[in-house]
Amino acid sequence: MQFPCCQPNEGSCSIDGACKDCTTCFHQSDLYEGRPSTAQFKEKLPWFLKASPSANCAKGGSGTYSSSIDLTGFDSGMIRASSFRTYHKPLSGQMDYVNAMKAARDFSSRISDSLKVL
């Protein structure tokens, strides 16, 4: 089942709905500094994590992200744990591995700083 990609004037996105087309979930004008509001995020995240991507609409995080986020406490506004994937070129020597680990830690730190996460 493909979950909804509602436009703001179409009402709430419910898990019972279906995507008629692959519309965007947010208009740029609905975002704050390029990001959805807390209310928008809380509304869309659960169905995104359950939605399966299809040939008609690739918007679905079921296969890729459903096990990457711990939603325990989500109803109270807390995501306690999450992970993300990154890729890099093939590594061949010890210095490549050391540098890749340093770069990964630096990248993770910058993401945390950007999101104001400890």
PDB file of N, CA and C in Angstrom:
ATOM      1  N   MET A   1       0.847  -1.179   0.000  1.00  0.00           N
ATOM      2  CA  MET A   1       0.000   0.000   0.000  1.00  0.00           C
ATOM      3  C   MET A   1       0.892   1.242   0.000  1.00  0.00           C
ATOM      4  N   GLN A   2       0.575   2.193  -0.825  1.00  0.00           N
ATOM      5  CA  GLN A   2       1.295   3.475  -0.855  1.00  0.00           C
ATOM      6  C   GLN A   2       0.513   4.482  -0.038  1.00  0.00           C
ATOM      7  N   PHE A   3       1.162   5.121   0.904  1.00  0.00           N
ATOM      8  CA  PHE A   3       0.502   6.069   1.783  1.00  0.00           C
ATOM      9  C   PHE A   3       0.450   7.445   1.143  1.00  0.00           C
ATOM     10  N   PRO A   4      -0.338   8.336   1.706  1.00  0.00           N
ATOM     11  CA  PRO A   4      -0.638   9.600   1.034  1.00  0.00           C
ATOM     12  C   PRO A   4       0.526  10.578   0.968  1.00  0.00           C
ATOM     13  N   CYS A   5       0.508  11.349  -0.073  1.00  0.00           N
ATOM     14  CA  CYS A   5       1.397  12.498  -0.230  1.00  0.00           C
ATOM     15  C   CYS A   5       0.481  13.692  -0.414  1.00  0.00           C
ATOM     16  N   CYS A   6      -0.142  14.111   0.654  1.00  0.00           N
ATOM     17  CA  CYS A   6      -1.202  15.115   0.595  1.00  0.00           C
ATOM     18  C   CYS A   6      -0.685  16.523   0.352  1.00  0.00           C
ATOM     19  N   GLN A   7      -1.498  17.297  -0.286  1.00  0.00           N
ATOM     20  CA  GLN A   7      -1.283  18.730  -0.394  1.00  0.00           C
ATOM     21  C   GLN A   7      -1.945  19.374   0.810  1.00  0.00           C
ATOM     22  N   PRO A   8      -1.471  20.532   1.262  1.00  0.00           N
ATOM     23  CA  PRO A   8      -2.048  21.160   2.457  1.00  0.00           C
ATOM     24  C   PRO A   8      -3.561  21.362   2.393  1.00  0.00           C
ATOM     25  N   ASN A   9      -4.120  21.641   1.226  1.00  0.00           N
ATOM     26  CA  ASN A   9      -5.556  21.890   1.125  1.00  0.00           C
ATOM     27  C   ASN A   9      -6.384  20.610   1.001  1.00  0.00           C
ATOM     28  N   GLU A  10      -5.747  19.450   1.061  1.00  0.00           N
ATOM     29  CA  GLU A  10      -6.460  18.186   0.955  1.00  0.00           C
ATOM     30  C   GLU A  10      -6.760  17.574   2.316  1.00  0.00           C
ATOM     31  N   GLY A  11      -6.439  18.272   3.386  1.00  0.00           N
ATOM     32  CA  GLY A  11      -6.699  17.740   4.720  1.00  0.00           C
ATOM     33  C   GLY A  11      -5.548  16.910   5.238  1.00  0.00           C
ATOM     34  N   SER A  12      -5.810  16.221   6.304  1.00  0.00           N
ATOM     35  CA  SER A  12      -4.784  15.447   6.988  1.00  0.00           C
ATOM     36  C   SER A  12      -4.378  14.218   6.182  1.00  0.00           C
ATOM     37  N   CYS A  13      -3.118  13.888   6.253  1.00  0.00           N
ATOM     38  CA  CYS A  13      -2.627  12.654   5.627  1.00  0.00           C
ATOM     39  C   CYS A  13      -2.875  11.508   6.578  1.00  0.00           C
ATOM     40  N   SER A  14      -3.761  10.624   6.209  1.00  0.00           N
ATOM     41  CA  SER A  14      -4.034   9.488   7.079  1.00  0.00           C
ATOM     42  C   SER A  14      -3.449   8.228   6.465  1.00  0.00           C
ATOM     43  N   ILE A  15      -3.167   7.257   7.297  1.00  0.00           N
ATOM     44  CA  ILE A  15      -2.595   6.000   6.826  1.00  0.00           C
ATOM     45  C   ILE A  15      -3.593   5.257   5.942  1.00  0.00           C
ATOM     46  N   ASP A  16      -4.880   5.578   6.060  1.00  0.00           N
ATOM     47  CA  ASP A  16      -5.901   4.903   5.252  1.00  0.00           C
ATOM     48  C   ASP A  16      -5.925   5.402   3.811  1.00  0.00           C
ATOM     49  N   GLY A  17      -5.332   6.567   3.552  1.00  0.00           N
ATOM     50  CA  GLY A  17      -5.386   7.153   2.218  1.00  0.00           C
ATOM     51  C   GLY A  17      -4.397   6.515   1.261  1.00  0.00           C
ATOM     52  N   ALA A  18      -4.474   6.912   0.014  1.00  0.00           N
ATOM     53  CA  ALA A  18      -3.547   6.407  -0.996  1.00  0.00           C
ATOM     54  C   ALA A  18      -3.110   7.558  -1.880  1.00  0.00           C
ATOM     55  N   CYS A  19      -1.899   7.478  -2.356  1.00  0.00           N
ATOM     56  CA  CYS A  19      -1.356   8.508  -3.232  1.00  0.00           C
ATOM     57  C   CYS A  19      -2.036   8.429  -4.594  1.00  0.00           C
ATOM     58  N   LYS A  20      -2.656   9.518  -5.014  1.00  0.00           N
ATOM     59  CA  LYS A  20      -3.225   9.559  -6.361  1.00  0.00           C
ATOM     60  C   LYS A  20      -2.115   9.804  -7.373  1.00  0.00           C
ATOM     61  N   ASP A  21      -1.151  10.579  -6.965  1.00  0.00           N
ATOM     62  CA  ASP A  21       0.028  10.826  -7.777  1.00  0.00           C
ATOM     63  C   ASP A  21       1.177  11.074  -6.805  1.00  0.00           C
ATOM     64  N   CYS A  22       2.317  11.334  -7.317  1.00  0.00           N
ATOM     65  CA  CYS A  22       3.482  11.498  -6.452  1.00  0.00           C
ATOM     66  C   CYS A  22       3.731  12.977  -6.180  1.00  0.00           C
ATOM     67  N   THR A  23       2.774  13.613  -5.517  1.00  0.00           N
ATOM     68  CA  THR A  23       2.904  15.032  -5.195  1.00  0.00           C
ATOM     69  C   THR A  23       3.842  15.201  -4.014  1.00  0.00           C
ATOM     70  N   THR A  24       4.333  16.400  -3.870  1.00  0.00           N
ATOM     71  CA  THR A  24       5.209  16.678  -2.745  1.00  0.00           C
ATOM     72  C   THR A  24       4.393  16.792  -1.469  1.00  0.00           C
ATOM     73  N   CYS A  25       4.988  16.379  -0.376  1.00  0.00           N
ATOM     74  CA  CYS A  25       4.280  16.454   0.908  1.00  0.00           C
ATOM     75  C   CYS A  25       4.288  17.870   1.458  1.00  0.00           C
ATOM     76  N   PHE A  26       5.268  18.657   1.079  1.00  0.00           N
ATOM     77  CA  PHE A  26       5.385  20.028   1.578  1.00  0.00           C
ATOM     78  C   PHE A  26       5.721  20.966   0.427  1.00  0.00           C
ATOM     79  N   HIS A  27       5.071  22.101   0.394  1.00  0.00           N
ATOM     80  CA  HIS A  27       5.476  23.160  -0.516  1.00  0.00           C
ATOM     81  C   HIS A  27       6.611  23.921   0.157  1.00  0.00           C
ATOM     82  N   GLN A  28       7.519  24.455  -0.606  1.00  0.00           N
ATOM     83  CA  GLN A  28       8.643  25.200  -0.039  1.00  0.00           C
ATOM     84  C   GLN A  28       8.153  26.316   0.883  1.00  0.00           C
ATOM     85  N   SER A  29       7.037  26.941   0.533  1.00  0.00           N
ATOM     86  CA  SER A  29       6.500  28.036   1.350  1.00  0.00           C
ATOM     87  C   SER A  29       5.965  27.554   2.700  1.00  0.00           C
ATOM     88  N   ASP A  30       5.702  26.243   2.831  1.00  0.00           N
ATOM     89  CA  ASP A  30       5.210  25.688   4.091  1.00  0.00           C
ATOM     90  C   ASP A  30       6.342  25.344   5.054  1.00  0.00           C
ATOM     91  N   LEU A  31       7.580  25.423   4.583  1.00  0.00           N
ATOM     92  CA  LEU A  31       8.728  25.021   5.385  1.00  0.00           C
ATOM     93  C   LEU A  31       9.345  26.207   6.110  1.00  0.00           C
ATOM     94  N   TYR A  32      10.035  25.928   7.193  1.00  0.00           N
ATOM     95  CA  TYR A  32      10.758  26.948   7.953  1.00  0.00           C
ATOM     96  C   TYR A  32      12.241  26.647   7.815  1.00  0.00           C
ATOM     97  N   GLU A  33      12.963  27.552   7.178  1.00  0.00           N
ATOM     98  CA  GLU A  33      14.390  27.370   6.903  1.00  0.00           C
ATOM     99  C   GLU A  33      14.655  26.028   6.215  1.00  0.00           C
ATOM    100  N   GLY A  34      13.767  25.660   5.285  1.00  0.00           N
ATOM    101  CA  GLY A  34      13.934  24.439   4.509  1.00  0.00           C
ATOM    102  C   GLY A  34      13.492  23.166   5.203  1.00  0.00           C
ATOM    103  N   ARG A  35      12.931  23.281   6.396  1.00  0.00           N
ATOM    104  CA  ARG A  35      12.530  22.094   7.152  1.00  0.00           C
ATOM    105  C   ARG A  35      11.058  22.180   7.542  1.00  0.00           C
ATOM    106  N   PRO A  36      10.403  21.009   7.694  1.00  0.00           N
ATOM    107  CA  PRO A  36       9.001  21.025   8.120  1.00  0.00           C
ATOM    108  C   PRO A  36       8.890  21.435   9.584  1.00  0.00           C
ATOM    109  N   SER A  37       7.718  21.910   9.960  1.00  0.00           N
ATOM    110  CA  SER A  37       7.456  22.242  11.352  1.00  0.00           C
ATOM    111  C   SER A  37       7.392  20.948  12.162  1.00  0.00           C
ATOM    112  N   THR A  38       7.420  21.082  13.466  1.00  0.00           N
ATOM    113  CA  THR A  38       7.304  19.917  14.344  1.00  0.00           C
ATOM    114  C   THR A  38       5.995  19.186  14.078  1.00  0.00           C
ATOM    115  N   ALA A  39       4.908  19.931  13.934  1.00  0.00           N
ATOM    116  CA  ALA A  39       3.597  19.314  13.684  1.00  0.00           C
ATOM    117  C   ALA A  39       3.597  18.577  12.344  1.00  0.00           C
ATOM    118  N   GLN A  40       4.175  19.170  11.297  1.00  0.00           N
ATOM    119  CA  GLN A  40       4.232  18.518   9.991  1.00  0.00           C
ATOM    120  C   GLN A  40       5.063  17.237  10.077  1.00  0.00           C
ATOM    121  N   PHE A  41       6.195  17.317  10.744  1.00  0.00           N
ATOM    122  CA  PHE A  41       7.085  16.162  10.881  1.00  0.00           C
ATOM    123  C   PHE A  41       6.385  15.028  11.627  1.00  0.00           C
ATOM    124  N   LYS A  42       5.726  15.368  12.743  1.00  0.00           N
ATOM    125  CA  LYS A  42       5.029  14.350  13.531  1.00  0.00           C
ATOM    126  C   LYS A  42       3.899  13.703  12.737  1.00  0.00           C
ATOM    127  N   GLU A  43       3.260  14.471  11.870  1.00  0.00           N
ATOM    128  CA  GLU A  43       2.163  13.933  11.072  1.00  0.00           C
ATOM    129  C   GLU A  43       2.671  12.987   9.987  1.00  0.00           C
ATOM    130  N   LYS A  44       3.752  13.346   9.330  1.00  0.00           N
ATOM    131  CA  LYS A  44       4.200  12.599   8.152  1.00  0.00           C
ATOM    132  C   LYS A  44       5.133  11.427   8.452  1.00  0.00           C
ATOM    133  N   LEU A  45       5.960  11.521   9.487  1.00  0.00           N
ATOM    134  CA  LEU A  45       6.976  10.491   9.722  1.00  0.00           C
ATOM    135  C   LEU A  45       6.411   9.081   9.868  1.00  0.00           C
ATOM    136  N   PRO A  46       5.383   8.840  10.677  1.00  0.00           N
ATOM    137  CA  PRO A  46       4.904   7.455  10.815  1.00  0.00           C
ATOM    138  C   PRO A  46       4.472   6.814   9.500  1.00  0.00           C
ATOM    139  N   TRP A  47       3.723   7.547   8.674  1.00  0.00           N
ATOM    140  CA  TRP A  47       3.307   6.913   7.417  1.00  0.00           C
ATOM    141  C   TRP A  47       4.466   6.790   6.438  1.00  0.00           C
ATOM    142  N   PHE A  48       5.437   7.707   6.472  1.00  0.00           N
ATOM    143  CA  PHE A  48       6.608   7.584   5.601  1.00  0.00           C
ATOM    144  C   PHE A  48       7.375   6.306   5.928  1.00  0.00           C
ATOM    145  N   LEU A  49       7.523   6.004   7.215  1.00  0.00           N
ATOM    146  CA  LEU A  49       8.260   4.814   7.619  1.00  0.00           C
ATOM    147  C   LEU A  49       7.524   3.521   7.277  1.00  0.00           C
ATOM    148  N   LYS A  50       6.203   3.600   7.063  1.00  0.00           N
ATOM    149  CA  LYS A  50       5.419   2.426   6.695  1.00  0.00           C
ATOM    150  C   LYS A  50       5.187   2.337   5.190  1.00  0.00           C
ATOM    151  N   ALA A  51       5.394   3.426   4.469  1.00  0.00           N
ATOM    152  CA  ALA A  51       5.104   3.463   3.030  1.00  0.00           C
ATOM    153  C   ALA A  51       6.171   2.712   2.241  1.00  0.00           C
ATOM    154  N   SER A  52       5.715   1.942   1.276  1.00  0.00           N
ATOM    155  CA  SER A  52       6.632   1.224   0.390  1.00  0.00           C
ATOM    156  C   SER A  52       6.790   1.999  -0.905  1.00  0.00           C
ATOM    157  N   PRO A  53       8.019   2.236  -1.339  1.00  0.00           N
ATOM    158  CA  PRO A  53       8.209   2.910  -2.621  1.00  0.00           C
ATOM    159  C   PRO A  53       7.671   2.039  -3.758  1.00  0.00           C
ATOM    160  N   SER A  54       7.214   2.688  -4.806  1.00  0.00           N
ATOM    161  CA  SER A  54       6.694   1.956  -5.956  1.00  0.00           C
ATOM    162  C   SER A  54       7.203   2.596  -7.242  1.00  0.00           C
ATOM    163  N   ALA A  55       6.873   1.984  -8.357  1.00  0.00           N
ATOM    164  CA  ALA A  55       7.272   2.530  -9.651  1.00  0.00           C
ATOM    165  C   ALA A  55       6.609   3.878  -9.898  1.00  0.00           C
ATOM    166  N   ASN A  56       5.410   4.085  -9.351  1.00  0.00           N
ATOM    167  CA  ASN A  56       4.693   5.344  -9.526  1.00  0.00           C
ATOM    168  C   ASN A  56       5.171   6.433  -8.588  1.00  0.00           C
ATOM    169  N   CYS A  57       5.674   6.039  -7.433  1.00  0.00           N
ATOM    170  CA  CYS A  57       6.089   7.027  -6.448  1.00  0.00           C
ATOM    171  C   CYS A  57       7.167   6.423  -5.545  1.00  0.00           C
ATOM    172  N   ALA A  58       8.335   6.989  -5.606  1.00  0.00           N
ATOM    173  CA  ALA A  58       9.457   6.470  -4.824  1.00  0.00           C
ATOM    174  C   ALA A  58       9.439   6.958  -3.381  1.00  0.00           C
ATOM    175  N   LYS A  59       8.461   7.792  -3.033  1.00  0.00           N
ATOM    176  CA  LYS A  59       8.399   8.346  -1.678  1.00  0.00           C
ATOM    177  C   LYS A  59       7.891   7.295  -0.704  1.00  0.00           C
ATOM    178  N   GLY A  60       8.794   6.640  -0.072  1.00  0.00           N
ATOM    179  CA  GLY A  60       8.445   5.639   0.918  1.00  0.00           C
ATOM    180  C   GLY A  60       9.702   5.180   1.606  1.00  0.00           C
ATOM    181  N   GLY A  61       9.665   5.111   2.905  1.00  0.00           N
ATOM    182  CA  GLY A  61      10.858   4.775   3.647  1.00  0.00           C
ATOM    183  C   GLY A  61      10.843   3.411   4.282  1.00  0.00           C
ATOM    184  N   SER A  62       9.851   2.600   3.967  1.00  0.00           N
ATOM    185  CA  SER A  62       9.691   1.318   4.645  1.00  0.00           C
ATOM    186  C   SER A  62      10.947   0.453   4.588  1.00  0.00           C
ATOM    187  N   GLY A  63      11.430   0.141   3.433  1.00  0.00           N
ATOM    188  CA  GLY A  63      12.583  -0.750   3.306  1.00  0.00           C
ATOM    189  C   GLY A  63      13.878  -0.151   3.813  1.00  0.00           C
ATOM    190  N   THR A  64      14.077   1.118   3.568  1.00  0.00           N
ATOM    191  CA  THR A  64      15.348   1.744   3.881  1.00  0.00           C
ATOM    192  C   THR A  64      15.439   2.273   5.298  1.00  0.00           C
ATOM    193  N   TYR A  65      14.378   2.879   5.795  1.00  0.00           N
ATOM    194  CA  TYR A  65      14.471   3.609   7.063  1.00  0.00           C
ATOM    195  C   TYR A  65      13.663   3.039   8.219  1.00  0.00           C
ATOM    196  N   SER A  66      12.787   2.074   7.976  1.00  0.00           N
ATOM    197  CA  SER A  66      11.875   1.638   9.038  1.00  0.00           C
ATOM    198  C   SER A  66      12.595   1.117  10.275  1.00  0.00           C
ATOM    199  N   SER A  67      13.778   0.543  10.111  1.00  0.00           N
ATOM    200  CA  SER A  67      14.519   0.053  11.279  1.00  0.00           C
ATOM    201  C   SER A  67      15.614   1.026  11.711  1.00  0.00           C
ATOM    202  N   SER A  68      15.657   2.210  11.120  1.00  0.00           N
ATOM    203  CA  SER A  68      16.697   3.188  11.435  1.00  0.00           C
ATOM    204  C   SER A  68      16.286   4.188  12.507  1.00  0.00           C
ATOM    205  N   ILE A  69      15.031   4.137  12.915  1.00  0.00           N
ATOM    206  CA  ILE A  69      14.524   5.112  13.877  1.00  0.00           C
ATOM    207  C   ILE A  69      13.763   4.393  14.982  1.00  0.00           C
ATOM    208  N   ASP A  70      14.089   4.729  16.213  1.00  0.00           N
ATOM    209  CA  ASP A  70      13.376   4.200  17.372  1.00  0.00           C
ATOM    210  C   ASP A  70      12.300   5.209  17.740  1.00  0.00           C
ATOM    211  N   LEU A  71      11.044   4.862  17.507  1.00  0.00           N
ATOM    212  CA  LEU A  71       9.940   5.787  17.754  1.00  0.00           C
ATOM    213  C   LEU A  71       9.375   5.687  19.175  1.00  0.00           C
ATOM    214  N   THR A  72      10.063   4.979  20.070  1.00  0.00           N
ATOM    215  CA  THR A  72       9.634   4.936  21.464  1.00  0.00           C
ATOM    216  C   THR A  72       9.630   6.363  22.005  1.00  0.00           C
ATOM    217  N   GLY A  73       8.512   6.811  22.500  1.00  0.00           N
ATOM    218  CA  GLY A  73       8.396   8.168  23.014  1.00  0.00           C
ATOM    219  C   GLY A  73       8.053   9.202  21.959  1.00  0.00           C
ATOM    220  N   PHE A  74       7.810   8.783  20.719  1.00  0.00           N
ATOM    221  CA  PHE A  74       7.523   9.716  19.626  1.00  0.00           C
ATOM    222  C   PHE A  74       6.279  10.552  19.898  1.00  0.00           C
ATOM    223  N   ASP A  75       5.258   9.937  20.503  1.00  0.00           N
ATOM    224  CA  ASP A  75       4.024  10.678  20.789  1.00  0.00           C
ATOM    225  C   ASP A  75       4.258  11.863  21.711  1.00  0.00           C
ATOM    226  N   SER A  76       5.281  11.774  22.544  1.00  0.00           N
ATOM    227  CA  SER A  76       5.595  12.895  23.442  1.00  0.00           C
ATOM    228  C   SER A  76       6.638  13.833  22.828  1.00  0.00           C
ATOM    229  N   GLY A  77       6.974  13.611  21.553  1.00  0.00           N
ATOM    230  CA  GLY A  77       7.884  14.523  20.864  1.00  0.00           C
ATOM    231  C   GLY A  77       9.350  14.146  20.912  1.00  0.00           C
ATOM    232  N   MET A  78       9.670  12.895  21.249  1.00  0.00           N
ATOM    233  CA  MET A  78      11.063  12.487  21.396  1.00  0.00           C
ATOM    234  C   MET A  78      11.394  11.331  20.463  1.00  0.00           C
ATOM    235  N   ILE A  79      12.479  11.471  19.728  1.00  0.00           N
ATOM    236  CA  ILE A  79      13.066  10.352  18.988  1.00  0.00           C
ATOM    237  C   ILE A  79      14.376  10.066  19.703  1.00  0.00           C
ATOM    238  N   ARG A  80      14.440   8.924  20.343  1.00  0.00           N
ATOM    239  CA  ARG A  80      15.587   8.608  21.197  1.00  0.00           C
ATOM    240  C   ARG A  80      16.798   8.120  20.429  1.00  0.00           C
ATOM    241  N   ALA A  81      16.605   7.503  19.292  1.00  0.00           N
ATOM    242  CA  ALA A  81      17.741   6.976  18.543  1.00  0.00           C
ATOM    243  C   ALA A  81      17.413   6.913  17.061  1.00  0.00           C
ATOM    244  N   SER A  82      18.396   7.194  16.253  1.00  0.00           N
ATOM    245  CA  SER A  82      18.266   7.058  14.806  1.00  0.00           C
ATOM    246  C   SER A  82      19.649   6.799  14.225  1.00  0.00           C
ATOM    247  N   SER A  83      19.660   6.357  12.994  1.00  0.00           N
ATOM    248  CA  SER A  83      20.921   6.139  12.295  1.00  0.00           C
ATOM    249  C   SER A  83      20.745   6.569  10.844  1.00  0.00           C
ATOM    250  N   PHE A  84      21.850   6.733  10.159  1.00  0.00           N
ATOM    251  CA  PHE A  84      21.800   7.079   8.750  1.00  0.00           C
ATOM    252  C   PHE A  84      22.940   6.374   8.034  1.00  0.00           C
ATOM    253  N   ARG A  85      22.794   6.230   6.740  1.00  0.00           N
ATOM    254  CA  ARG A  85      23.797   5.538   5.934  1.00  0.00           C
ATOM    255  C   ARG A  85      24.658   6.544   5.193  1.00  0.00           C
ATOM    256  N   THR A  86      25.897   6.193   5.046  1.00  0.00           N
ATOM    257  CA  THR A  86      26.797   6.963   4.191  1.00  0.00           C
ATOM    258  C   THR A  86      27.630   5.979   3.384  1.00  0.00           C
ATOM    259  N   TYR A  87      28.222   6.465   2.332  1.00  0.00           N
ATOM    260  CA  TYR A  87      29.060   5.630   1.477  1.00  0.00           C
ATOM    261  C   TYR A  87      30.327   6.400   1.141  1.00  0.00           C
ATOM    262  N   HIS A  88      31.364   5.675   0.817  1.00  0.00           N
ATOM    263  CA  HIS A  88      32.604   6.306   0.378  1.00  0.00           C
ATOM    264  C   HIS A  88      33.301   5.384  -0.605  1.00  0.00           C
ATOM    265  N   LYS A  89      34.373   5.872  -1.153  1.00  0.00           N
ATOM    266  CA  LYS A  89      35.105   5.080  -2.150  1.00  0.00           C
ATOM    267  C   LYS A  89      35.717   3.840  -1.492  1.00  0.00           C
ATOM    268  N   PRO A  90      36.088   2.838  -2.283  1.00  0.00           N
ATOM    269  CA  PRO A  90      36.723   1.637  -1.711  1.00  0.00           C
ATOM    270  C   PRO A  90      38.024   1.995  -0.991  1.00  0.00           C
ATOM    271  N   LEU A  91      38.266   1.303   0.109  1.00  0.00           N
ATOM    272  CA  LEU A  91      39.453   1.553   0.922  1.00  0.00           C
ATOM    273  C   LEU A  91      40.474   0.452   0.663  1.00  0.00           C
ATOM    274  N   SER A  92      41.768   0.830   0.662  1.00  0.00           N
ATOM    275  CA  SER A  92      42.766  -0.188   0.334  1.00  0.00           C
ATOM    276  C   SER A  92      43.880  -0.334   1.370  1.00  0.00           C
ATOM    277  N   GLY A  93      44.095   0.663   2.187  1.00  0.00           N
ATOM    278  CA  GLY A  93      45.196   0.554   3.142  1.00  0.00           C
ATOM    279  C   GLY A  93      44.794   1.092   4.503  1.00  0.00           C
ATOM    280  N   GLN A  94      45.686   0.892   5.481  1.00  0.00           N
ATOM    281  CA  GLN A  94      45.393   1.307   6.848  1.00  0.00           C
ATOM    282  C   GLN A  94      45.075   2.793   6.934  1.00  0.00           C
ATOM    283  N   MET A  95      45.831   3.632   6.270  1.00  0.00           N
ATOM    284  CA  MET A  95      45.573   5.077   6.325  1.00  0.00           C
ATOM    285  C   MET A  95      44.214   5.424   5.719  1.00  0.00           C
ATOM    286  N   ASP A  96      43.809   4.687   4.680  1.00  0.00           N
ATOM    287  CA  ASP A  96      42.474   4.903   4.104  1.00  0.00           C
ATOM    288  C   ASP A  96      41.395   4.631   5.153  1.00  0.00           C
ATOM    289  N   TYR A  97      41.542   3.555   5.895  1.00  0.00           N
ATOM    290  CA  TYR A  97      40.559   3.199   6.922  1.00  0.00           C
ATOM    291  C   TYR A  97      40.541   4.227   8.051  1.00  0.00           C
ATOM    292  N   VAL A  98      41.733   4.643   8.488  1.00  0.00           N
ATOM    293  CA  VAL A  98      41.829   5.638   9.562  1.00  0.00           C
ATOM    294  C   VAL A  98      41.204   6.955   9.113  1.00  0.00           C
ATOM    295  N   ASN A  99      41.543   7.401   7.911  1.00  0.00           N
ATOM    296  CA  ASN A  99      40.991   8.657   7.392  1.00  0.00           C
ATOM    297  C   ASN A  99      39.481   8.561   7.183  1.00  0.00           C
ATOM    298  N   ALA A 100      39.002   7.411   6.730  1.00  0.00           N
ATOM    299  CA  ALA A 100      37.564   7.222   6.541  1.00  0.00           C
ATOM    300  C   ALA A 100      36.834   7.299   7.886  1.00  0.00           C
ATOM    301  N   MET A 101      37.407   6.710   8.920  1.00  0.00           N
ATOM    302  CA  MET A 101      36.781   6.753  10.248  1.00  0.00           C
ATOM    303  C   MET A 101      36.764   8.183  10.780  1.00  0.00           C
ATOM    304  N   LYS A 102      37.864   8.911  10.606  1.00  0.00           N
ATOM    305  CA  LYS A 102      37.909  10.313  11.041  1.00  0.00           C
ATOM    306  C   LYS A 102      36.880  11.144  10.288  1.00  0.00           C
ATOM    307  N   ALA A 103      36.779  10.924   8.986  1.00  0.00           N
ATOM    308  CA  ALA A 103      35.819  11.674   8.173  1.00  0.00           C
ATOM    309  C   ALA A 103      34.383  11.346   8.587  1.00  0.00           C
ATOM    310  N   ALA A 104      34.108  10.087   8.890  1.00  0.00           N
ATOM    311  CA  ALA A 104      32.764   9.688   9.315  1.00  0.00           C
ATOM    312  C   ALA A 104      32.402  10.333  10.650  1.00  0.00           C
ATOM    313  N   ARG A 105      33.343  10.356  11.569  1.00  0.00           N
ATOM    314  CA  ARG A 105      33.079  10.993  12.865  1.00  0.00           C
ATOM    315  C   ARG A 105      32.882  12.497  12.706  1.00  0.00           C
ATOM    316  N   ASP A 106      33.679  13.113  11.836  1.00  0.00           N
ATOM    317  CA  ASP A 106      33.536  14.548  11.582  1.00  0.00           C
ATOM    318  C   ASP A 106      32.175  14.844  10.953  1.00  0.00           C
ATOM    319  N   PHE A 107      31.790  14.037   9.975  1.00  0.00           N
ATOM    320  CA  PHE A 107      30.497  14.215   9.313  1.00  0.00           C
ATOM    321  C   PHE A 107      29.357  14.075  10.315  1.00  0.00           C
ATOM    322  N   SER A 108      29.399  13.042  11.128  1.00  0.00           N
ATOM    323  CA  SER A 108      28.365  12.813  12.132  1.00  0.00           C
ATOM    324  C   SER A 108      28.295  13.977  13.120  1.00  0.00           C
ATOM    325  N   SER A 109      29.432  14.487  13.521  1.00  0.00           N
ATOM    326  CA  SER A 109      29.480  15.619  14.452  1.00  0.00           C
ATOM    327  C   SER A 109      28.857  16.867  13.828  1.00  0.00           C
ATOM    328  N   ARG A 110      29.163  17.106  12.544  1.00  0.00           N
ATOM    329  CA  ARG A 110      28.592  18.282  11.870  1.00  0.00           C
ATOM    330  C   ARG A 110      27.083  18.158  11.724  1.00  0.00           C
ATOM    331  N   ILE A 111      26.599  16.944  11.447  1.00  0.00           N
ATOM    332  CA  ILE A 111      25.144  16.731  11.363  1.00  0.00           C
ATOM    333  C   ILE A 111      24.507  17.017  12.723  1.00  0.00           C
ATOM    334  N   SER A 112      25.091  16.481  13.777  1.00  0.00           N
ATOM    335  CA  SER A 112      24.554  16.698  15.127  1.00  0.00           C
ATOM    336  C   SER A 112      24.555  18.173  15.478  1.00  0.00           C
ATOM    337  N   ASP A 113      25.635  18.884  15.151  1.00  0.00           N
ATOM    338  CA  ASP A 113      25.700  20.325  15.426  1.00  0.00           C
ATOM    339  C   ASP A 113      24.630  21.074  14.640  1.00  0.00           C
ATOM    340  N   SER A 114      24.470  20.700  13.370  1.00  0.00           N
ATOM    341  CA  SER A 114      23.482  21.361  12.516  1.00  0.00           C
ATOM    342  C   SER A 114      22.062  21.166  13.046  1.00  0.00           C
ATOM    343  N   LEU A 115      21.784  19.976  13.542  1.00  0.00           N
ATOM    344  CA  LEU A 115      20.449  19.666  14.058  1.00  0.00           C
ATOM    345  C   LEU A 115      20.297  20.029  15.529  1.00  0.00           C
ATOM    346  N   LYS A 116      21.375  20.533  16.110  1.00  0.00           N
ATOM    347  CA  LYS A 116      21.383  20.899  17.545  1.00  0.00           C
ATOM    348  C   LYS A 116      21.022  19.693  18.414  1.00  0.00           C
ATOM    349  N   VAL A 117      21.673  18.554  18.101  1.00  0.00           N
ATOM    350  CA  VAL A 117      21.492  17.310  18.825  1.00  0.00           C
ATOM    351  C   VAL A 117      22.768  17.007  19.592  1.00  0.00           C
ATOM    352  N   LEU A 118      22.627  16.492  20.788  1.00  0.00           N
ATOM    353  CA  LEU A 118      23.803  16.145  21.597  1.00  0.00           C
ATOM    354  C   LEU A 118      24.455  14.905  21.084  1.00  0.00           C
TER     355      LEU A 118
END
